[in-house]
C-alpha atoms as a PDB file:
ATOM      1  CA  MET A   1     133.689 114.723  66.666  1.00  0.00           C
ATOM      2  CA  ARG A   2     133.002 117.751  68.982  1.00  0.00           C
ATOM      3  CA  VAL A   3     135.753 119.969  69.019  1.00  0.00           C
ATOM      4  CA  VAL A   4     136.286 123.521  70.999  1.00  0.00           C
ATOM      5  CA  VAL A   5     139.152 125.967  69.564  1.00  0.00           C
ATOM      6  CA  THR A   6     140.754 128.357  71.602  1.00  0.00           C
ATOM      7  CA  GLY A   7     142.754 131.370  69.481  1.00  0.00           C
ATOM      8  CA  ALA A   8     140.024 131.100  66.899  1.00  0.00           C
ATOM      9  CA  SER A   9     140.621 134.575  65.722  1.00  0.00           C
ATOM     10  CA  GLY A  10     144.017 134.197  64.660  1.00  0.00           C
ATOM     11  CA  LEU A  11     146.291 133.019  61.798  1.00  0.00           C
ATOM     12  CA  VAL A  12     145.666 129.278  62.229  1.00  0.00           C
ATOM     13  CA  GLY A  13     142.484 129.224  64.215  1.00  0.00           C
ATOM     14  CA  SER A  14     140.383 131.300  61.762  1.00  0.00           C
ATOM     15  CA  ALA A  15     141.298 128.783  58.802  1.00  0.00           C
ATOM     16  CA  LEU A  16     140.682 125.651  61.346  1.00  0.00           C
ATOM     17  CA  VAL A  17     137.136 126.369  62.431  1.00  0.00           C
ATOM     18  CA  PRO A  18     135.826 126.182  58.874  1.00  0.00           C
ATOM     19  CA  TYR A  19     138.197 123.372  57.761  1.00  0.00           C
ATOM     20  CA  LEU A  20     136.970 121.386  60.616  1.00  0.00           C
ATOM     21  CA  ALA A  21     133.169 122.506  60.393  1.00  0.00           C
ATOM     22  CA  ALA A  22     133.586 121.342  56.416  1.00  0.00           C
ATOM     23  CA  GLN A  23     135.208 118.217  57.673  1.00  0.00           C
ATOM     24  CA  GLY A  24     132.010 117.372  59.681  1.00  0.00           C
ATOM     25  CA  HIS A  25     133.005 118.308  63.003  1.00  0.00           C
ATOM     26  CA  GLU A  26     130.773 119.958  65.398  1.00  0.00           C
ATOM     27  CA  THR A  27     133.393 122.310  66.242  1.00  0.00           C
ATOM     28  CA  ASP A  28     132.910 125.752  68.792  1.00  0.00           C
ATOM     29  CA  VAL A  29     135.071 128.621  69.956  1.00  0.00           C
ATOM     30  CA  LEU A  30     135.896 129.317  73.117  1.00  0.00           C
ATOM     31  CA  SER A  31     136.733 132.712  73.192  1.00  0.00           C
ATOM     32  CA  ARG A  32     136.711 135.616  75.251  1.00  0.00           C
ATOM     33  CA  ASN A  33     134.781 137.537  72.662  1.00  0.00           C
ATOM     34  CA  THR A  34     130.982 137.378  73.888  1.00  0.00           C
ATOM     35  CA  ALA A  35     129.516 137.674  70.262  1.00  0.00           C
ATOM     36  CA  PRO A  36     126.663 135.138  69.617  1.00  0.00           C
ATOM     37  CA  GLY A  37     127.450 131.362  68.853  1.00  0.00           C
ATOM     38  CA  HIS A  38     130.857 131.531  71.216  1.00  0.00           C
ATOM     39  CA  LEU A  39     131.726 130.072  74.301  1.00  0.00           C
ATOM     40  CA  VAL A  40     133.335 132.713  76.771  1.00  0.00           C
ATOM     41  CA  TRP A  41     135.662 132.139  79.203  1.00  0.00           C
ATOM     42  CA  ASN A  42     138.185 134.690  80.458  1.00  0.00           C
ATOM     43  CA  PRO A  43     142.015 132.845  80.965  1.00  0.00           C
ATOM     44  CA  GLN A  44     142.467 136.444  82.677  1.00  0.00           C
ATOM     45  CA  ASP A  45     140.175 136.257  85.917  1.00  0.00           C
ATOM     46  CA  GLY A  46     140.347 132.141  85.845  1.00  0.00           C
ATOM     47  CA  SER A  47     136.825 132.156  84.451  1.00  0.00           C
ATOM     48  CA  LEU A  48     135.393 128.974  82.511  1.00  0.00           C
ATOM     49  CA  ASP A  49     131.996 127.090  83.585  1.00  0.00           C
ATOM     50  CA  PRO A  50     132.924 123.367  83.265  1.00  0.00           C
ATOM     51  CA  ALA A  51     129.597 122.996  81.839  1.00  0.00           C
ATOM     52  CA  LEU A  52     130.897 124.610  78.517  1.00  0.00           C
ATOM     53  CA  LEU A  53     132.979 121.768  77.982  1.00  0.00           C
ATOM     54  CA  LYS A  54     130.575 119.060  78.724  1.00  0.00           C
ATOM     55  CA  GLY A  55     130.626 116.031  75.876  1.00  0.00           C
ATOM     56  CA  VAL A  56     133.984 117.802  73.711  1.00  0.00           C
ATOM     57  CA  GLU A  57     135.348 115.214  72.632  1.00  0.00           C
ATOM     58  CA  ALA A  58     138.816 117.426  71.260  1.00  0.00           C
ATOM     59  CA  ILE A  59     140.189 120.406  72.392  1.00  0.00           C
ATOM     60  CA  VAL A  60     142.545 122.349  70.098  1.00  0.00           C
ATOM     61  CA  HIS A  61     144.356 125.325  72.230  1.00  0.00           C
ATOM     62  CA  LEU A  62     145.914 127.811  69.846  1.00  0.00           C
ATOM     63  CA  ALA A  63     145.279 130.702  72.063  1.00  0.00           C
ATOM     64  CA  GLY A  64     148.177 133.329  73.388  1.00  0.00           C
ATOM     65  CA  ALA A  65     149.497 136.497  72.831  1.00  0.00           C
ATOM     66  CA  ASN A  66     151.525 137.479  69.595  1.00  0.00           C
ATOM     67  CA  ILE A  67     155.011 136.393  70.425  1.00  0.00           C
ATOM     68  CA  ALA A  68     156.801 138.446  67.855  1.00  0.00           C
ATOM     69  CA  ALA A  69     154.649 141.589  68.200  1.00  0.00           C
ATOM     70  CA  GLY A  70     157.593 144.000  69.063  1.00  0.00           C
ATOM     71  CA  ARG A  71     160.330 144.137  71.979  1.00  0.00           C
ATOM     72  CA  TRP A  72     160.460 141.684  75.062  1.00  0.00           C
ATOM     73  CA  THR A  73     160.179 144.431  77.530  1.00  0.00           C
ATOM     74  CA  SER A  74     159.544 142.668  80.946  1.00  0.00           C
ATOM     75  CA  ALA A  75     155.496 143.331  80.812  1.00  0.00           C
ATOM     76  CA  ARG A  76     155.743 142.139  77.336  1.00  0.00           C
ATOM     77  CA  LYS A  77     157.400 138.843  78.617  1.00  0.00           C
ATOM     78  CA  LYS A  78     155.312 138.456  81.406  1.00  0.00           C
ATOM     79  CA  GLU A  79     151.782 139.069  78.973  1.00  0.00           C
ATOM     80  CA  ILE A  80     153.125 136.356  76.702  1.00  0.00           C
ATOM     81  CA  ARG A  81     153.873 133.786  78.985  1.00  0.00           C
ATOM     82  CA  ASP A  82     150.587 134.422  81.293  1.00  0.00           C
ATOM     83  CA  SER A  83     148.720 134.269  78.100  1.00  0.00           C
ATOM     84  CA  ARG A  84     150.081 130.925  77.344  1.00  0.00           C
ATOM     85  CA  LEU A  85     150.742 129.695  80.836  1.00  0.00           C
ATOM     86  CA  GLY A  86     147.536 130.795  82.609  1.00  0.00           C
ATOM     87  CA  SER A  87     144.907 129.622  79.728  1.00  0.00           C
ATOM     88  CA  THR A  88     146.403 126.020  79.222  1.00  0.00           C
ATOM     89  CA  ARG A  89     146.377 125.322  83.301  1.00  0.00           C
ATOM     90  CA  LEU A  90     142.429 126.966  83.356  1.00  0.00           C
ATOM     91  CA  LEU A  91     142.033 124.445  80.442  1.00  0.00           C
ATOM     92  CA  VAL A  92     143.210 121.356  82.271  1.00  0.00           C
ATOM     93  CA  ASP A  93     141.934 122.299  86.028  1.00  0.00           C
ATOM     94  CA  THR A  94     138.272 122.352  84.108  1.00  0.00           C
ATOM     95  CA  PHE A  95     138.892 118.842  83.063  1.00  0.00           C
ATOM     96  CA  ARG A  96     139.590 117.944  86.304  1.00  0.00           C
ATOM     97  CA  ARG A  97     135.990 118.959  87.196  1.00  0.00           C
ATOM     98  CA  LEU A  98     134.308 117.042  84.591  1.00  0.00           C
ATOM     99  CA  ASP A  99     133.056 113.599  84.448  1.00  0.00           C
ATOM    100  CA  ARG A 100     134.578 112.665  80.936  1.00  0.00           C
ATOM    101  CA  PRO A 101     137.178 115.408  80.274  1.00  0.00           C
ATOM    102  CA  PRO A 102     137.856 115.311  76.198  1.00  0.00           C
ATOM    103  CA  ARG A 103     139.540 112.347  74.559  1.00  0.00           C
ATOM    104  CA  VAL A 104     142.228 114.689  72.977  1.00  0.00           C
ATOM    105  CA  LEU A 105     144.127 117.807  73.556  1.00  0.00           C
ATOM    106  CA  VAL A 106     146.120 119.067  70.787  1.00  0.00           C
ATOM    107  CA  CYS A 107     147.929 122.154  72.694  1.00  0.00           C
ATOM    108  CA  SER A 108     150.161 124.469  70.308  1.00  0.00           C
ATOM    109  CA  SER A 109     153.745 125.041  71.164  1.00  0.00           C
ATOM    110  CA  ALA A 110     156.656 126.076  69.260  1.00  0.00           C
ATOM    111  CA  ILE A 111     160.032 125.182  67.834  1.00  0.00           C
ATOM    112  CA  GLY A 112     161.676 127.806  69.801  1.00  0.00           C
ATOM    113  CA  PHE A 113     161.616 124.784  72.646  1.00  0.00           C
ATOM    114  CA  TYR A 114     164.928 123.503  70.763  1.00  0.00           C
ATOM    115  CA  GLY A 115     167.148 127.280  71.050  1.00  0.00           C
ATOM    116  CA  ASP A 116     169.156 128.369  68.577  1.00  0.00           C
ATOM    117  CA  THR A 117     170.581 125.177  66.764  1.00  0.00           C
ATOM    118  CA  GLY A 118     172.620 126.133  64.521  1.00  0.00           C
ATOM    119  CA  GLU A 119     173.338 123.878  61.857  1.00  0.00           C
ATOM    120  CA  LYS A 120     171.890 120.872  63.901  1.00  0.00           C
ATOM    121  CA  ILE A 121     169.330 119.118  62.732  1.00  0.00           C
ATOM    122  CA  VAL A 122     166.949 118.645  65.424  1.00  0.00           C
ATOM    123  CA  ALA A 123     163.821 115.914  65.835  1.00  0.00           C
ATOM    124  CA  GLU A 124     161.287 115.940  68.706  1.00  0.00           C
ATOM    125  CA  ASP A 125     164.093 113.602  70.935  1.00  0.00           C
ATOM    126  CA  SER A 126     166.319 116.065  70.486  1.00  0.00           C
ATOM    127  CA  ALA A 127     167.255 118.551  74.062  1.00  0.00           C
ATOM    128  CA  GLY A 128     165.024 121.990  74.540  1.00  0.00           C
ATOM    129  CA  GLY A 129     167.460 124.989  74.205  1.00  0.00           C
ATOM    130  CA  SER A 130     168.098 128.202  76.721  1.00  0.00           C
ATOM    131  CA  GLY A 131     166.315 131.360  76.493  1.00  0.00           C
ATOM    132  CA  PHE A 132     163.127 133.151  76.896  1.00  0.00           C
ATOM    133  CA  LEU A 133     161.337 131.338  74.172  1.00  0.00           C
ATOM    134  CA  ALA A 134     162.650 128.016  74.574  1.00  0.00           C
ATOM    135  CA  ASP A 135     161.986 128.055  78.701  1.00  0.00           C
ATOM    136  CA  LEU A 136     158.440 129.423  77.508  1.00  0.00           C
ATOM    137  CA  CYS A 137     157.726 126.318  75.867  1.00  0.00           C
ATOM    138  CA  ARG A 138     159.248 123.728  78.236  1.00  0.00           C
ATOM    139  CA  GLU A 139     156.445 125.429  80.790  1.00  0.00           C
ATOM    140  CA  TRP A 140     153.748 125.565  78.293  1.00  0.00           C
ATOM    141  CA  GLU A 141     154.186 121.995  77.281  1.00  0.00           C
ATOM    142  CA  ALA A 142     154.155 120.898  80.745  1.00  0.00           C
ATOM    143  CA  GLU A 143     150.919 122.964  81.735  1.00  0.00           C
ATOM    144  CA  ALA A 144     149.424 120.687  78.611  1.00  0.00           C
ATOM    145  CA  ALA A 145     150.898 117.299  79.817  1.00  0.00           C
ATOM    146  CA  ARG A 146     149.379 117.497  83.344  1.00  0.00           C
ATOM    147  CA  ALA A 147     145.952 116.453  81.220  1.00  0.00           C
ATOM    148  CA  GLU A 148     147.366 113.306  80.927  1.00  0.00           C
ATOM    149  CA  GLU A 149     147.046 112.366  84.447  1.00  0.00           C
ATOM    150  CA  LEU A 150     143.095 112.754  83.718  1.00  0.00           C
ATOM    151  CA  GLY A 151     143.577 109.773  80.818  1.00  0.00           C
ATOM    152  CA  THR A 152     143.624 112.891  78.091  1.00  0.00           C
ATOM    153  CA  ARG A 153     145.840 112.326  75.473  1.00  0.00           C
ATOM    154  CA  VAL A 154     148.234 115.163  74.800  1.00  0.00           C
ATOM    155  CA  VAL A 155     149.770 116.438  71.563  1.00  0.00           C
ATOM    156  CA  ARG A 156     152.039 118.898  72.137  1.00  0.00           C
ATOM    157  CA  MET A 157     152.483 120.458  68.712  1.00  0.00           C
ATOM    158  CA  ARG A 158     155.753 122.396  68.076  1.00  0.00           C
ATOM    159  CA  THR A 159     154.933 124.668  64.994  1.00  0.00           C
ATOM    160  CA  GLY A 160     157.515 126.450  62.869  1.00  0.00           C
ATOM    161  CA  VAL A 161     156.820 129.323  60.680  1.00  0.00           C
ATOM    162  CA  ILE A 162     153.233 129.490  59.293  1.00  0.00           C
ATOM    163  CA  LEU A 163     152.982 130.566  55.972  1.00  0.00           C
ATOM    164  CA  SER A 164     150.489 132.403  54.834  1.00  0.00           C
ATOM    165  CA  PRO A 165     149.505 135.260  52.373  1.00  0.00           C
ATOM    166  CA  LYS A 166     146.731 136.632  54.888  1.00  0.00           C
ATOM    167  CA  GLY A 167     149.142 136.740  57.961  1.00  0.00           C
ATOM    168  CA  GLY A 168     152.134 135.898  59.920  1.00  0.00           C
ATOM    169  CA  ALA A 169     155.795 136.139  58.635  1.00  0.00           C
ATOM    170  CA  LEU A 170     154.811 135.925  55.028  1.00  0.00           C
ATOM    171  CA  ALA A 171     152.373 138.780  55.088  1.00  0.00           C
ATOM    172  CA  LYS A 172     154.441 140.880  56.746  1.00  0.00           C
ATOM    173  CA  VAL A 173     157.453 140.824  53.892  1.00  0.00           C
ATOM    174  CA  LEU A 174     155.491 140.715  51.167  1.00  0.00           C
ATOM    175  CA  PRO A 175     155.132 144.355  50.382  1.00  0.00           C
ATOM    176  CA  VAL A 176     158.922 144.557  50.740  1.00  0.00           C
ATOM    177  CA  PHE A 177     159.320 142.069  48.057  1.00  0.00           C
ATOM    178  CA  ARG A 178     156.848 142.846  46.099  1.00  0.00           C
ATOM    179  CA  ALA A 179     158.554 146.378  46.028  1.00  0.00           C
ATOM    180  CA  GLY A 180     161.695 144.815  45.160  1.00  0.00           C
ATOM    181  CA  PHE A 181     163.235 145.641  48.171  1.00  0.00           C
ATOM    182  CA  GLY A 182     164.161 142.149  49.853  1.00  0.00           C
ATOM    183  CA  GLY A 183     166.511 140.291  50.922  1.00  0.00           C
ATOM    184  CA  PRO A 184     168.427 137.776  53.592  1.00  0.00           C
ATOM    185  CA  ILE A 185     167.953 138.783  56.993  1.00  0.00           C
ATOM    186  CA  GLY A 186     171.186 139.239  59.143  1.00  0.00           C
ATOM    187  CA  GLY A 187     173.341 137.092  56.768  1.00  0.00           C
ATOM    188  CA  GLY A 188     170.637 134.466  55.321  1.00  0.00           C
ATOM    189  CA  LYS A 189     172.539 131.552  57.078  1.00  0.00           C
ATOM    190  CA  GLN A 190     170.148 130.831  59.575  1.00  0.00           C
ATOM    191  CA  TRP A 191     168.000 128.249  59.251  1.00  0.00           C
ATOM    192  CA  MET A 192     164.360 128.547  58.744  1.00  0.00           C
ATOM    193  CA  SER A 193     161.809 125.729  59.480  1.00  0.00           C
ATOM    194  CA  TRP A 194     158.426 126.333  58.389  1.00  0.00           C
ATOM    195  CA  ILE A 195     155.016 125.070  57.235  1.00  0.00           C
ATOM    196  CA  SER A 196     152.061 126.316  54.576  1.00  0.00           C
ATOM    197  CA  ILE A 197     149.000 126.997  56.203  1.00  0.00           C
ATOM    198  CA  ASP A 198     147.435 124.503  54.627  1.00  0.00           C
ATOM    199  CA  ASP A 199     149.726 121.616  55.891  1.00  0.00           C
ATOM    200  CA  ALA A 200     148.941 123.056  59.112  1.00  0.00           C
ATOM    201  CA  ILE A 201     145.625 122.642  59.357  1.00  0.00           C
ATOM    202  CA  ALA A 202     145.665 119.415  57.886  1.00  0.00           C
ATOM    203  CA  VAL A 203     148.391 118.636  60.607  1.00  0.00           C
ATOM    204  CA  ILE A 204     145.849 119.257  63.433  1.00  0.00           C
ATOM    205  CA  GLN A 205     143.318 117.415  62.437  1.00  0.00           C
ATOM    206  CA  PHE A 206     145.607 114.212  61.668  1.00  0.00           C
ATOM    207  CA  LEU A 207     147.001 114.813  65.599  1.00  0.00           C
ATOM    208  CA  MET A 208     143.069 114.854  66.512  1.00  0.00           C
ATOM    209  CA  ALA A 209     142.480 111.650  64.567  1.00  0.00           C
ATOM    210  CA  GLY A 210     145.548 109.573  65.210  1.00  0.00           C
ATOM    211  CA  ASP A 211     144.758 108.005  68.593  1.00  0.00           C
ATOM    212  CA  SER A 212     148.542 106.509  68.908  1.00  0.00           C
ATOM    213  CA  ILE A 213     150.153 109.958  69.201  1.00  0.00           C
ATOM    214  CA  SER A 214     151.066 111.796  71.723  1.00  0.00           C
ATOM    215  CA  GLY A 215     153.716 114.214  73.325  1.00  0.00           C
ATOM    216  CA  PRO A 216     155.837 116.697  71.404  1.00  0.00           C
ATOM    217  CA  VAL A 217     154.959 116.780  67.512  1.00  0.00           C
ATOM    218  CA  ASN A 218     157.140 118.752  65.354  1.00  0.00           C
ATOM    219  CA  ALA A 219     154.470 120.876  62.768  1.00  0.00           C
ATOM    220  CA  VAL A 220     156.781 122.071  60.238  1.00  0.00           C
ATOM    221  CA  ALA A 221     157.914 120.937  56.448  1.00  0.00           C
ATOM    222  CA  PRO A 222     160.075 118.049  55.733  1.00  0.00           C
ATOM    223  CA  MET A 223     162.595 120.609  54.158  1.00  0.00           C
ATOM    224  CA  PRO A 224     163.760 123.326  56.090  1.00  0.00           C
ATOM    225  CA  VAL A 225     165.918 126.563  54.139  1.00  0.00           C
ATOM    226  CA  THR A 226     168.246 128.590  55.139  1.00  0.00           C
ATOM    227  CA  ASN A 227     167.157 132.645  55.179  1.00  0.00           C
ATOM    228  CA  SER A 228     168.824 133.178  52.186  1.00  0.00           C
ATOM    229  CA  GLU A 229     167.066 130.299  50.188  1.00  0.00           C
ATOM    230  CA  PHE A 230     163.996 131.941  51.523  1.00  0.00           C
ATOM    231  CA  ALA A 231     164.535 134.855  49.893  1.00  0.00           C
ATOM    232  CA  HIS A 232     165.808 133.724  46.696  1.00  0.00           C
ATOM    233  CA  ALA A 233     162.576 131.539  46.859  1.00  0.00           C
ATOM    234  CA  LEU A 234     159.821 134.160  47.294  1.00  0.00           C
ATOM    235  CA  GLY A 235     161.547 136.623  45.042  1.00  0.00           C
ATOM    236  CA  HIS A 236     161.490 133.997  42.214  1.00  0.00           C
ATOM    237  CA  ALA A 237     157.846 133.099  42.943  1.00  0.00           C
ATOM    238  CA  LEU A 238     157.216 137.032  42.944  1.00  0.00           C
ATOM    239  CA  SER A 239     159.467 137.992  39.820  1.00  0.00           C
ATOM    240  CA  ARG A 240     161.150 140.121  41.739  1.00  0.00           C
ATOM    241  CA  PRO A 241     164.622 140.824  42.294  1.00  0.00           C
ATOM    242  CA  ALA A 242     165.771 139.739  46.636  1.00  0.00           C
ATOM    243  CA  ILE A 243     169.160 140.795  47.234  1.00  0.00           C
ATOM    244  CA  ALA A 244     168.612 143.905  49.263  1.00  0.00           C
ATOM    245  CA  PRO A 245     170.342 142.457  52.955  1.00  0.00           C
ATOM    246  CA  VAL A 246     168.681 143.446  56.225  1.00  0.00           C
ATOM    247  CA  PRO A 247     171.707 143.552  58.618  1.00  0.00           C
ATOM    248  CA  ALA A 248     171.273 142.035  62.149  1.00  0.00           C
ATOM    249  CA  THR A 249     172.397 144.688  64.255  1.00  0.00           C
ATOM    250  CA  VAL A 250     169.452 146.381  62.510  1.00  0.00           C
ATOM    251  CA  LEU A 251     167.175 144.010  63.459  1.00  0.00           C
ATOM    252  CA  LYS A 252     168.956 143.881  67.383  1.00  0.00           C
ATOM    253  CA  LEU A 253     168.140 147.601  67.732  1.00  0.00           C
ATOM    254  CA  MET A 254     165.033 147.546  67.024  1.00  0.00           C
ATOM    255  CA  TYR A 255     163.856 144.668  68.532  1.00  0.00           C
ATOM    256  CA  GLY A 256     166.598 143.104  71.295  1.00  0.00           C
ATOM    257  CA  LYS A 257     166.086 139.827  72.310  1.00  0.00           C
ATOM    258  CA  MET A 258     163.032 138.767  70.245  1.00  0.00           C
ATOM    259  CA  ALA A 259     164.897 139.264  67.013  1.00  0.00           C
ATOM    260  CA  GLU A 260     167.871 137.089  68.361  1.00  0.00           C
ATOM    261  CA  GLU A 261     165.371 134.420  69.846  1.00  0.00           C
ATOM    262  CA  THR A 262     163.094 134.230  66.306  1.00  0.00           C
ATOM    263  CA  ILE A 263     164.248 136.109  63.057  1.00  0.00           C
ATOM    264  CA  LEU A 264     167.891 135.297  63.503  1.00  0.00           C
ATOM    265  CA  ALA A 265     167.758 132.149  65.446  1.00  0.00           C
ATOM    266  CA  SER A 266     168.757 129.069  63.145  1.00  0.00           C
ATOM    267  CA  THR A 267     166.245 126.513  63.516  1.00  0.00           C
ATOM    268  CA  ARG A 268     166.786 123.328  61.693  1.00  0.00           C
ATOM    269  CA  VAL A 269     164.111 121.193  62.908  1.00  0.00           C
ATOM    270  CA  VAL A 270     162.311 118.095  61.074  1.00  0.00           C
ATOM    271  CA  PRO A 271     159.155 116.357  61.142  1.00  0.00           C
ATOM    272  CA  GLN A 272     160.278 112.855  62.636  1.00  0.00           C
ATOM    273  CA  ARG A 273     157.240 111.765  64.361  1.00  0.00           C
ATOM    274  CA  LEU A 274     154.621 112.727  61.193  1.00  0.00           C
ATOM    275  CA  THR A 275     156.750 111.384  58.773  1.00  0.00           C
ATOM    276  CA  GLY A 276     156.980 108.506  60.746  1.00  0.00           C
ATOM    277  CA  GLU A 277     153.096 107.978  61.417  1.00  0.00           C
ATOM    278  CA  GLY A 278     152.912 108.504  57.893  1.00  0.00           C
ATOM    279  CA  PHE A 279     151.415 112.169  56.950  1.00  0.00           C
ATOM    280  CA  GLN A 280     151.383 113.276  53.748  1.00  0.00           C
ATOM    281  CA  PHE A 281     152.564 116.711  52.929  1.00  0.00           C
ATOM    282  CA  ARG A 282     150.580 118.553  50.192  1.00  0.00           C
ATOM    283  CA  HIS A 283     153.874 121.279  50.278  1.00  0.00           C
ATOM    284  CA  PRO A 284     157.525 119.777  51.272  1.00  0.00           C
ATOM    285  CA  GLU A 285     159.207 121.857  49.168  1.00  0.00           C
ATOM    286  CA  LEU A 286     159.085 125.770  49.507  1.00  0.00           C
ATOM    287  CA  GLU A 287     158.736 126.909  46.159  1.00  0.00           C
ATOM    288  CA  GLY A 288     156.318 124.665  45.275  1.00  0.00           C
ATOM    289  CA  ALA A 289     154.518 125.864  48.625  1.00  0.00           C
ATOM    290  CA  LEU A 290     155.166 129.943  47.622  1.00  0.00           C
ATOM    291  CA  ASN A 291     154.043 129.384  44.055  1.00  0.00           C
ATOM    292  CA  TYR A 292     150.407 128.026  45.783  1.00  0.00           C
ATOM    293  CA  LEU A 293     150.183 130.588  48.027  1.00  0.00           C
ATOM    294  CA  LEU A 294     151.221 133.587  45.982  1.00  0.00           C
ATOM    295  CA  LYS A 295     149.023 132.493  42.729  1.00  0.00           C
ATOM    296  CA  GLU A 296     146.686 135.004  41.576  1.00  0.00           C
END
C-alpha cells in the first residue's frame, strides 16, 4: 500500500514511518521540510500539489502544533487550531482535485474530545465535552469527515497519553521520578487513559487495513488508571519513591487552562471499537507497559 504520513517528525510519526516501511508499505512523508525525499506542502499558505498524492491509497494525518507546550494564550490557541483545521482542510480540498482520492484517511484527534469525564467511563458513542480542547477536536474531526463525501473511508483516531521514553508526557516526568521527586499530580484522583507507543503504531496500521472501520476510534489501552496509580507504577518501575505530590494550584498558576483541560482533567476512556474489532493490545496493563518501555 502506498501511504503518506504528515507530522512524521513527531513522537508517533517518527516511529510510524520506519515501522510501515518495514511492513512492506511504500511510505512517503508530507512535510514543510524540503529535505531530499520529502513531499513538500505548506498548510499555512494552502500550497499542496495534487500530483504528490496521485496513487496514494492511505494518508495518516498526524500534523499539528503541540497542545501541551505551554499556556494557552490567545495567540497559542490560534496556532494550535489553525495548524490542525487548516492542514486537514487542505488535505481534503486536495482530494477533490484527484481522479481517485485515497481509500482511507486516518486523522489524529484526541480523547480531549470528551472533556473532563470525572469517574464516568466513556466510549466512542459518548457525547463530546466542553472547553477549548473538546471544541477543537470536534472541529478537527468535522474537517476530516468531509472526505467521506468523496468515498474516502475516514477514521478519527482519538489518542490518549502516548507513553514513550523518547518524548511526550513520560519523557518529561522521567527525570523527576528518577531523582526520587515524583508523585501524584493535583491529588491524583483524576483518570488517565494511556497507550504505549508500540500499541499506538500498531493501532494505526490496524485502522488502515480494517476496511469496515470508520468514524471515531479511541486509541487507548483497555485499562485506564488514576494519576496516583500511574505515579505509583512509574516509581515502582524505576525503583524510586513516588510520594511527592504536585498541587493543582501550582499547575494552574503555571499553565492555566492548558493544565485544567489536560494534566488535571479526568479522562476515563475505553477502546470499545478496537476491542470490538478484535485488536490485540501488546501492553494492555500499565505496569507491563512501563517495565517494557523502561527496560535498559
